[in-house]
Amino acid sequence: MAKLILSIDGEVAGTHFIDASRFTIGSLPDSSLQLARPGVSRIHAAIFTVGNDDILEDLGSTNGTLVNGRKIARHILQHDDVIEIAGCQIRYRSQKAASGPSLDRTMVIKGLAPELAEQSPVRAGLERVGAKRAAQAREGGRLGLAKMTKGPQAGREIELTRVLRTFGQPGVQVAVVNRRPHGYFITHVEGKKPALLNGMPIGGDPQPLAPNDVVSVGDEAFQFQLK
């Protein structure tokens, strides 16, 4: 189970375990982690658990949320990440995250999955996807496969078994493939320019993947297939 180690003014002030799918941080007494300090919004941020990943989201706070010194909107938490809220330091510890894929610690997640949208105020665009392409992507719940055609992993075939799988070049351009019950979707999560799907910008909303789709992101490219 992942845990958060709270430090205030350099002194450890407590340890809190992420034991629910939605863990809230704010000044309200019923917050999972209450921070009754100036600069902390009533419902400041939340951590959502999606599959094997814990995702931190700033919930429109007044003063923002930092991870490793950088302001974030959404971020896939990694072992030893430091969350900063109004002068409080919250260290995220999870061996599960440490043993998982190497995700970029500055990644900002934008509109990943319905599991988040149902509990988050940031809902716009999550359901606006092409129904026809989504139906193509379903095809009996078959396992997705990324056939790498460019980049360090060129020639590899990567089975998309996890809920989330990132591609691209951290710090430059990153996209994430999200496995849902009704198919696979790709979302641009980092970089000034969005990744490309069949030569066209992905845009801000998740896009369904269909067999033979080609994704170009950062220094990588792959063709999506269903096994």
C-alpha atoms as a PDB file:
ATOM      1  CA  MET A   1       0.000   0.000   0.000  1.00  0.00           C
ATOM      2  CA  ALA A   2       1.355   3.425  -0.938  1.00  0.00           C
ATOM      3  CA  LYS A   3       1.964   5.953   1.814  1.00  0.00           C
ATOM      4  CA  LEU A   4       2.490   9.691   2.175  1.00  0.00           C
ATOM      5  CA  ILE A   5       5.022  11.122   4.622  1.00  0.00           C
ATOM      6  CA  LEU A   6       4.055  14.654   5.640  1.00  0.00           C
ATOM      7  CA  SER A   7       6.775  17.116   6.659  1.00  0.00           C
ATOM      8  CA  ILE A   8       6.215  20.680   7.855  1.00  0.00           C
ATOM      9  CA  ASP A   9       9.146  23.054   8.278  1.00  0.00           C
ATOM     10  CA  GLY A  10      11.544  20.145   7.863  1.00  0.00           C
ATOM     11  CA  GLU A  11       9.956  18.046  10.631  1.00  0.00           C
ATOM     12  CA  VAL A  12       8.021  14.844   9.952  1.00  0.00           C
ATOM     13  CA  ALA A  13       4.414  15.478  10.979  1.00  0.00           C
ATOM     14  CA  GLY A  14       2.794  12.143  10.160  1.00  0.00           C
ATOM     15  CA  THR A  15       2.317   9.227   7.797  1.00  0.00           C
ATOM     16  CA  HIS A  16      -0.861   8.568   5.846  1.00  0.00           C
ATOM     17  CA  PHE A  17      -1.737   5.503   3.767  1.00  0.00           C
ATOM     18  CA  ILE A  18      -3.578   5.691   0.451  1.00  0.00           C
ATOM     19  CA  ASP A  19      -6.283   3.177   1.299  1.00  0.00           C
ATOM     20  CA  ALA A  20      -9.097   4.335  -0.985  1.00  0.00           C
ATOM     21  CA  SER A  21      -9.576   4.916  -4.700  1.00  0.00           C
ATOM     22  CA  ARG A  22      -9.989   8.656  -3.989  1.00  0.00           C
ATOM     23  CA  PHE A  23      -7.686  10.234  -1.396  1.00  0.00           C
ATOM     24  CA  THR A  24      -8.330  13.944  -0.788  1.00  0.00           C
ATOM     25  CA  ILE A  25      -5.960  16.657   0.456  1.00  0.00           C
ATOM     26  CA  GLY A  26      -7.314  19.959   1.737  1.00  0.00           C
ATOM     27  CA  SER A  27      -8.207  22.165   4.681  1.00  0.00           C
ATOM     28  CA  LEU A  28     -11.590  20.562   5.363  1.00  0.00           C
ATOM     29  CA  PRO A  29     -11.775  18.322   8.447  1.00  0.00           C
ATOM     30  CA  ASP A  30     -13.109  15.388   6.406  1.00  0.00           C
ATOM     31  CA  SER A  31     -10.132  15.407   4.030  1.00  0.00           C
ATOM     32  CA  SER A  32      -8.142  12.181   3.870  1.00  0.00           C
ATOM     33  CA  LEU A  33      -5.128  14.378   4.644  1.00  0.00           C
ATOM     34  CA  GLN A  34      -6.113  17.631   6.352  1.00  0.00           C
ATOM     35  CA  LEU A  35      -3.724  20.570   6.005  1.00  0.00           C
ATOM     36  CA  ALA A  36      -5.187  23.375   8.096  1.00  0.00           C
ATOM     37  CA  ARG A  37      -2.734  26.020   6.924  1.00  0.00           C
ATOM     38  CA  PRO A  38      -2.946  29.323   5.048  1.00  0.00           C
ATOM     39  CA  GLY A  39      -2.754  28.797   1.311  1.00  0.00           C
ATOM     40  CA  VAL A  40      -4.434  25.375   1.354  1.00  0.00           C
ATOM     41  CA  SER A  41      -7.776  25.273  -0.456  1.00  0.00           C
ATOM     42  CA  ARG A  42     -10.771  23.523   1.084  1.00  0.00           C
ATOM     43  CA  ILE A  43     -10.455  20.654  -1.407  1.00  0.00           C
ATOM     44  CA  HIS A  44      -6.962  21.307  -2.724  1.00  0.00           C
ATOM     45  CA  ALA A  45      -5.957  18.078  -4.491  1.00  0.00           C
ATOM     46  CA  ALA A  46      -6.766  14.400  -4.715  1.00  0.00           C
ATOM     47  CA  ILE A  47      -5.010  11.151  -5.502  1.00  0.00           C
ATOM     48  CA  PHE A  48      -6.948   8.714  -7.685  1.00  0.00           C
ATOM     49  CA  THR A  49      -5.972   5.070  -7.989  1.00  0.00           C
ATOM     50  CA  VAL A  50      -6.364   3.689 -11.519  1.00  0.00           C
ATOM     51  CA  GLY A  51      -5.178   0.110 -11.921  1.00  0.00           C
ATOM     52  CA  ASN A  52      -1.614  -0.027 -10.579  1.00  0.00           C
ATOM     53  CA  ASP A  53      -1.105   3.726 -10.709  1.00  0.00           C
ATOM     54  CA  ASP A  54      -1.760   6.571  -8.256  1.00  0.00           C
ATOM     55  CA  ILE A  55      -2.531   9.836 -10.043  1.00  0.00           C
ATOM     56  CA  LEU A  56      -2.322  13.193  -8.285  1.00  0.00           C
ATOM     57  CA  GLU A  57      -4.671  15.923  -9.505  1.00  0.00           C
ATOM     58  CA  ASP A  58      -4.847  19.557  -8.447  1.00  0.00           C
ATOM     59  CA  LEU A  59      -8.549  20.344  -7.997  1.00  0.00           C
ATOM     60  CA  GLY A  60      -8.450  23.966  -9.097  1.00  0.00           C
ATOM     61  CA  SER A  61      -6.695  25.168  -5.955  1.00  0.00           C
ATOM     62  CA  THR A  62      -5.874  28.849  -5.484  1.00  0.00           C
ATOM     63  CA  ASN A  63      -2.144  28.407  -4.909  1.00  0.00           C
ATOM     64  CA  GLY A  64      -1.456  25.275  -6.923  1.00  0.00           C
ATOM     65  CA  THR A  65       0.249  21.945  -6.313  1.00  0.00           C
ATOM     66  CA  LEU A  66       3.907  21.181  -7.015  1.00  0.00           C
ATOM     67  CA  VAL A  67       5.621  17.854  -7.645  1.00  0.00           C
ATOM     68  CA  ASN A  68       9.407  17.864  -7.432  1.00  0.00           C
ATOM     69  CA  GLY A  69       9.340  21.651  -7.690  1.00  0.00           C
ATOM     70  CA  ARG A  70       7.100  21.866 -10.743  1.00  0.00           C
ATOM     71  CA  LYS A  71       3.467  22.971 -10.822  1.00  0.00           C
ATOM     72  CA  ILE A  72       1.168  20.227 -12.038  1.00  0.00           C
ATOM     73  CA  ALA A  73      -2.429  19.680 -13.086  1.00  0.00           C
ATOM     74  CA  ARG A  74      -2.227  15.859 -13.106  1.00  0.00           C
ATOM     75  CA  HIS A  75       0.759  13.642 -12.481  1.00  0.00           C
ATOM     76  CA  ILE A  76       1.378   9.884 -12.281  1.00  0.00           C
ATOM     77  CA  LEU A  77       3.085   9.543  -8.915  1.00  0.00           C
ATOM     78  CA  GLN A  78       6.425   7.766  -8.748  1.00  0.00           C
ATOM     79  CA  HIS A  79       8.291   6.369  -5.759  1.00  0.00           C
ATOM     80  CA  ASP A  80       9.941   9.211  -3.765  1.00  0.00           C
ATOM     81  CA  ASP A  81       8.092  12.024  -5.569  1.00  0.00           C
ATOM     82  CA  VAL A  82       7.732  15.096  -3.328  1.00  0.00           C
ATOM     83  CA  ILE A  83       4.388  16.919  -3.378  1.00  0.00           C
ATOM     84  CA  GLU A  84       4.449  20.526  -2.147  1.00  0.00           C
ATOM     85  CA  ILE A  85       1.317  22.313  -0.969  1.00  0.00           C
ATOM     86  CA  ALA A  86       1.479  25.666   0.827  1.00  0.00           C
ATOM     87  CA  GLY A  87       4.896  24.972   2.311  1.00  0.00           C
ATOM     88  CA  CYS A  88       4.103  21.377   3.277  1.00  0.00           C
ATOM     89  CA  GLN A  89       6.190  18.574   1.789  1.00  0.00           C
ATOM     90  CA  ILE A  90       4.495  15.226   1.189  1.00  0.00           C
ATOM     91  CA  ARG A  91       6.755  12.402   0.078  1.00  0.00           C
ATOM     92  CA  TYR A  92       5.092   9.576  -1.879  1.00  0.00           C
ATOM     93  CA  ARG A  93       6.476   6.122  -1.133  1.00  0.00           C
ATOM     94  CA  SER A  94       5.386   3.020  -3.039  1.00  0.00           C
ATOM     95  CA  GLN A  95       7.423  -0.038  -3.920  1.00  0.00           C
ATOM     96  CA  LYS A  96       4.738  -0.840  -6.469  1.00  0.00           C
ATOM     97  CA  ALA A  97       5.555   2.374  -8.293  1.00  0.00           C
ATOM     98  CA  ALA A  98       9.280   1.788  -7.893  1.00  0.00           C
ATOM     99  CA  SER A  99       9.048  -1.604  -9.597  1.00  0.00           C
ATOM    100  CA  GLY A 100       6.768  -0.403 -12.381  1.00  0.00           C
ATOM    101  CA  PRO A 101       7.651   1.211 -15.723  1.00  0.00           C
ATOM    102  CA  SER A 102       9.886   4.267 -15.709  1.00  0.00           C
ATOM    103  CA  LEU A 103       7.348   7.074 -16.113  1.00  0.00           C
ATOM    104  CA  ASP A 104       8.395  10.713 -16.341  1.00  0.00           C
ATOM    105  CA  ARG A 105       8.126  12.408 -12.948  1.00  0.00           C
ATOM    106  CA  THR A 106       7.011  15.691 -14.492  1.00  0.00           C
ATOM    107  CA  MET A 107       4.187  14.136 -16.481  1.00  0.00           C
ATOM    108  CA  VAL A 108       0.938  16.059 -16.535  1.00  0.00           C
ATOM    109  CA  ILE A 109      -2.055  13.814 -17.124  1.00  0.00           C
ATOM    110  CA  LYS A 110      -4.964  15.324 -19.000  1.00  0.00           C
ATOM    111  CA  GLY A 111      -8.227  13.413 -19.235  1.00  0.00           C
ATOM    112  CA  LEU A 112      -7.142   9.802 -18.868  1.00  0.00           C
ATOM    113  CA  ALA A 113     -10.130   7.686 -17.998  1.00  0.00           C
ATOM    114  CA  PRO A 114     -13.775   7.608 -16.917  1.00  0.00           C
ATOM    115  CA  GLU A 115     -12.637   6.322 -13.508  1.00  0.00           C
ATOM    116  CA  LEU A 116     -11.076   9.745 -12.924  1.00  0.00           C
ATOM    117  CA  ALA A 117     -13.783  11.778 -14.593  1.00  0.00           C
ATOM    118  CA  GLU A 118     -16.519  10.362 -12.373  1.00  0.00           C
ATOM    119  CA  GLN A 119     -14.783  11.799  -9.304  1.00  0.00           C
ATOM    120  CA  SER A 120     -13.061  14.847 -10.775  1.00  0.00           C
ATOM    121  CA  PRO A 121     -14.338  18.311 -11.724  1.00  0.00           C
ATOM    122  CA  VAL A 122     -12.225  18.179 -14.881  1.00  0.00           C
ATOM    123  CA  ARG A 123     -14.673  16.308 -17.106  1.00  0.00           C
ATOM    124  CA  ALA A 124     -14.741  18.332 -20.315  1.00  0.00           C
ATOM    125  CA  GLY A 125     -14.146  16.283 -23.418  1.00  0.00           C
ATOM    126  CA  LEU A 126     -13.588  12.891 -21.808  1.00  0.00           C
ATOM    127  CA  GLU A 127     -16.602  11.322 -23.477  1.00  0.00           C
ATOM    128  CA  ARG A 128     -16.345  13.120 -26.819  1.00  0.00           C
ATOM    129  CA  VAL A 129     -14.767  10.343 -28.825  1.00  0.00           C
ATOM    130  CA  GLY A 130     -15.737   8.848 -32.152  1.00  0.00           C
ATOM    131  CA  ALA A 131     -18.246   6.064 -31.568  1.00  0.00           C
ATOM    132  CA  LYS A 132     -17.415   4.376 -34.845  1.00  0.00           C
ATOM    133  CA  ARG A 133     -13.682   4.181 -34.111  1.00  0.00           C
ATOM    134  CA  ALA A 134     -14.359   3.058 -30.547  1.00  0.00           C
ATOM    135  CA  ALA A 135     -16.442   0.189 -31.880  1.00  0.00           C
ATOM    136  CA  GLN A 136     -13.559  -0.788 -34.153  1.00  0.00           C
ATOM    137  CA  ALA A 137     -11.203  -0.786 -31.196  1.00  0.00           C
ATOM    138  CA  ARG A 138     -13.379  -3.085 -29.070  1.00  0.00           C
ATOM    139  CA  GLU A 139     -13.375  -6.181 -31.262  1.00  0.00           C
ATOM    140  CA  GLY A 140     -14.189  -8.641 -28.520  1.00  0.00           C
ATOM    141  CA  GLY A 141     -11.868  -7.235 -25.838  1.00  0.00           C
ATOM    142  CA  ARG A 142      -8.707  -8.471 -27.560  1.00  0.00           C
ATOM    143  CA  LEU A 143      -5.319  -7.552 -26.146  1.00  0.00           C
ATOM    144  CA  GLY A 144      -3.678  -4.496 -27.678  1.00  0.00           C
ATOM    145  CA  LEU A 145      -0.199  -4.558 -29.158  1.00  0.00           C
ATOM    146  CA  ALA A 146       2.181  -1.710 -30.006  1.00  0.00           C
ATOM    147  CA  LYS A 147       4.531  -2.618 -32.859  1.00  0.00           C
ATOM    148  CA  MET A 148       7.403  -0.163 -32.427  1.00  0.00           C
ATOM    149  CA  THR A 149       8.610   1.228 -35.758  1.00  0.00           C
ATOM    150  CA  LYS A 150      10.828   4.091 -34.570  1.00  0.00           C
ATOM    151  CA  GLY A 151      12.914   4.972 -31.547  1.00  0.00           C
ATOM    152  CA  PRO A 152      15.003   3.060 -28.985  1.00  0.00           C
ATOM    153  CA  GLN A 153      12.514   0.171 -28.974  1.00  0.00           C
ATOM    154  CA  ALA A 154      12.111  -0.136 -32.753  1.00  0.00           C
ATOM    155  CA  GLY A 155      11.356  -3.707 -33.748  1.00  0.00           C
ATOM    156  CA  ARG A 156       9.774  -4.636 -30.422  1.00  0.00           C
ATOM    157  CA  GLU A 157       6.175  -5.703 -29.944  1.00  0.00           C
ATOM    158  CA  ILE A 158       4.791  -4.401 -26.643  1.00  0.00           C
ATOM    159  CA  GLU A 159       1.686  -6.020 -25.182  1.00  0.00           C
ATOM    160  CA  LEU A 160      -0.602  -3.359 -23.701  1.00  0.00           C
ATOM    161  CA  THR A 161      -1.618  -5.267 -20.589  1.00  0.00           C
ATOM    162  CA  ARG A 162      -1.463  -2.369 -18.097  1.00  0.00           C
ATOM    163  CA  VAL A 163      -4.184   0.193 -17.550  1.00  0.00           C
ATOM    164  CA  LEU A 164      -1.716   2.913 -18.547  1.00  0.00           C
ATOM    165  CA  ARG A 165       1.322   2.695 -20.845  1.00  0.00           C
ATOM    166  CA  THR A 166       3.360   5.769 -21.789  1.00  0.00           C
ATOM    167  CA  PHE A 167       5.253   6.412 -25.018  1.00  0.00           C
ATOM    168  CA  GLY A 168       7.487   9.234 -26.188  1.00  0.00           C
ATOM    169  CA  GLN A 169      10.342  11.329 -24.911  1.00  0.00           C
ATOM    170  CA  PRO A 170      10.035  12.665 -21.335  1.00  0.00           C
ATOM    171  CA  GLY A 171      10.465  16.410 -21.185  1.00  0.00           C
ATOM    172  CA  VAL A 172       9.720  16.747 -24.892  1.00  0.00           C
ATOM    173  CA  GLN A 173       6.531  14.917 -25.837  1.00  0.00           C
ATOM    174  CA  VAL A 174       4.672  12.074 -24.120  1.00  0.00           C
ATOM    175  CA  ALA A 175       1.372  10.301 -24.744  1.00  0.00           C
ATOM    176  CA  VAL A 176      -0.324   7.552 -22.761  1.00  0.00           C
ATOM    177  CA  VAL A 177      -2.326   4.567 -23.999  1.00  0.00           C
ATOM    178  CA  ASN A 178      -5.209   3.850 -21.624  1.00  0.00           C
ATOM    179  CA  ARG A 179      -6.842   0.425 -21.595  1.00  0.00           C
ATOM    180  CA  ARG A 180     -10.566   0.647 -20.860  1.00  0.00           C
ATOM    181  CA  PRO A 181     -13.302  -2.006 -20.817  1.00  0.00           C
ATOM    182  CA  HIS A 182     -14.540  -0.765 -24.195  1.00  0.00           C
ATOM    183  CA  GLY A 183     -11.213  -0.417 -25.987  1.00  0.00           C
ATOM    184  CA  TYR A 184      -7.879   1.388 -26.087  1.00  0.00           C
ATOM    185  CA  PHE A 185      -7.507   5.173 -26.101  1.00  0.00           C
ATOM    186  CA  ILE A 186      -4.530   7.473 -26.512  1.00  0.00           C
ATOM    187  CA  THR A 187      -4.119  10.840 -24.766  1.00  0.00           C
ATOM    188  CA  HIS A 188      -1.494  13.551 -25.182  1.00  0.00           C
ATOM    189  CA  VAL A 189      -0.043  14.317 -21.729  1.00  0.00           C
ATOM    190  CA  GLU A 190       3.169  16.326 -22.189  1.00  0.00           C
ATOM    191  CA  GLY A 191       4.727  18.657 -24.732  1.00  0.00           C
ATOM    192  CA  LYS A 192       3.717  21.894 -26.423  1.00  0.00           C
ATOM    193  CA  LYS A 193       2.780  20.034 -29.594  1.00  0.00           C
ATOM    194  CA  PRO A 194       0.406  17.043 -29.376  1.00  0.00           C
ATOM    195  CA  ALA A 195       1.415  13.601 -30.551  1.00  0.00           C
ATOM    196  CA  LEU A 196       0.182  12.454 -33.954  1.00  0.00           C
ATOM    197  CA  LEU A 197      -2.421   9.809 -34.738  1.00  0.00           C
ATOM    198  CA  ASN A 198      -2.256   8.778 -38.397  1.00  0.00           C
ATOM    199  CA  GLY A 199      -0.434  12.039 -39.139  1.00  0.00           C
ATOM    200  CA  MET A 200      -2.974  14.254 -37.397  1.00  0.00           C
ATOM    201  CA  PRO A 201      -2.626  15.949 -33.966  1.00  0.00           C
ATOM    202  CA  ILE A 202      -4.324  13.962 -31.214  1.00  0.00           C
ATOM    203  CA  GLY A 203      -5.770  17.094 -29.619  1.00  0.00           C
ATOM    204  CA  GLY A 204      -6.791  17.535 -25.997  1.00  0.00           C
ATOM    205  CA  ASP A 205      -9.279  14.677 -25.721  1.00  0.00           C
ATOM    206  CA  PRO A 206      -8.635  10.919 -25.527  1.00  0.00           C
ATOM    207  CA  GLN A 207      -8.875   9.296 -28.955  1.00  0.00           C
ATOM    208  CA  PRO A 208      -9.875   5.643 -29.550  1.00  0.00           C
ATOM    209  CA  LEU A 209      -7.317   3.412 -31.211  1.00  0.00           C
ATOM    210  CA  ALA A 210      -8.259   1.081 -34.055  1.00  0.00           C
ATOM    211  CA  PRO A 211      -6.152  -1.662 -35.682  1.00  0.00           C
ATOM    212  CA  ASN A 212      -3.365  -0.334 -37.948  1.00  0.00           C
ATOM    213  CA  ASP A 213      -3.463   3.143 -36.442  1.00  0.00           C
ATOM    214  CA  VAL A 214      -0.008   4.767 -36.398  1.00  0.00           C
ATOM    215  CA  VAL A 215       1.056   6.916 -33.440  1.00  0.00           C
ATOM    216  CA  SER A 216       4.076   9.247 -33.520  1.00  0.00           C
ATOM    217  CA  VAL A 217       5.155  10.714 -30.184  1.00  0.00           C
ATOM    218  CA  GLY A 218       8.507  12.178 -29.146  1.00  0.00           C
ATOM    219  CA  ASP A 219      11.278  10.036 -30.568  1.00  0.00           C
ATOM    220  CA  GLU A 220       9.022   6.989 -30.974  1.00  0.00           C
ATOM    221  CA  ALA A 221       6.402   5.684 -33.379  1.00  0.00           C
ATOM    222  CA  PHE A 222       4.289   2.542 -33.275  1.00  0.00           C
ATOM    223  CA  GLN A 223       1.489   0.773 -35.072  1.00  0.00           C
ATOM    224  CA  PHE A 224      -1.452  -0.311 -32.938  1.00  0.00           C
ATOM    225  CA  GLN A 225      -2.759  -3.855 -33.393  1.00  0.00           C
ATOM    226  CA  LEU A 226      -5.117  -6.248 -31.619  1.00  0.00           C
ATOM    227  CA  LYS A 227      -3.971  -9.791 -30.831  1.00  0.00           C
END
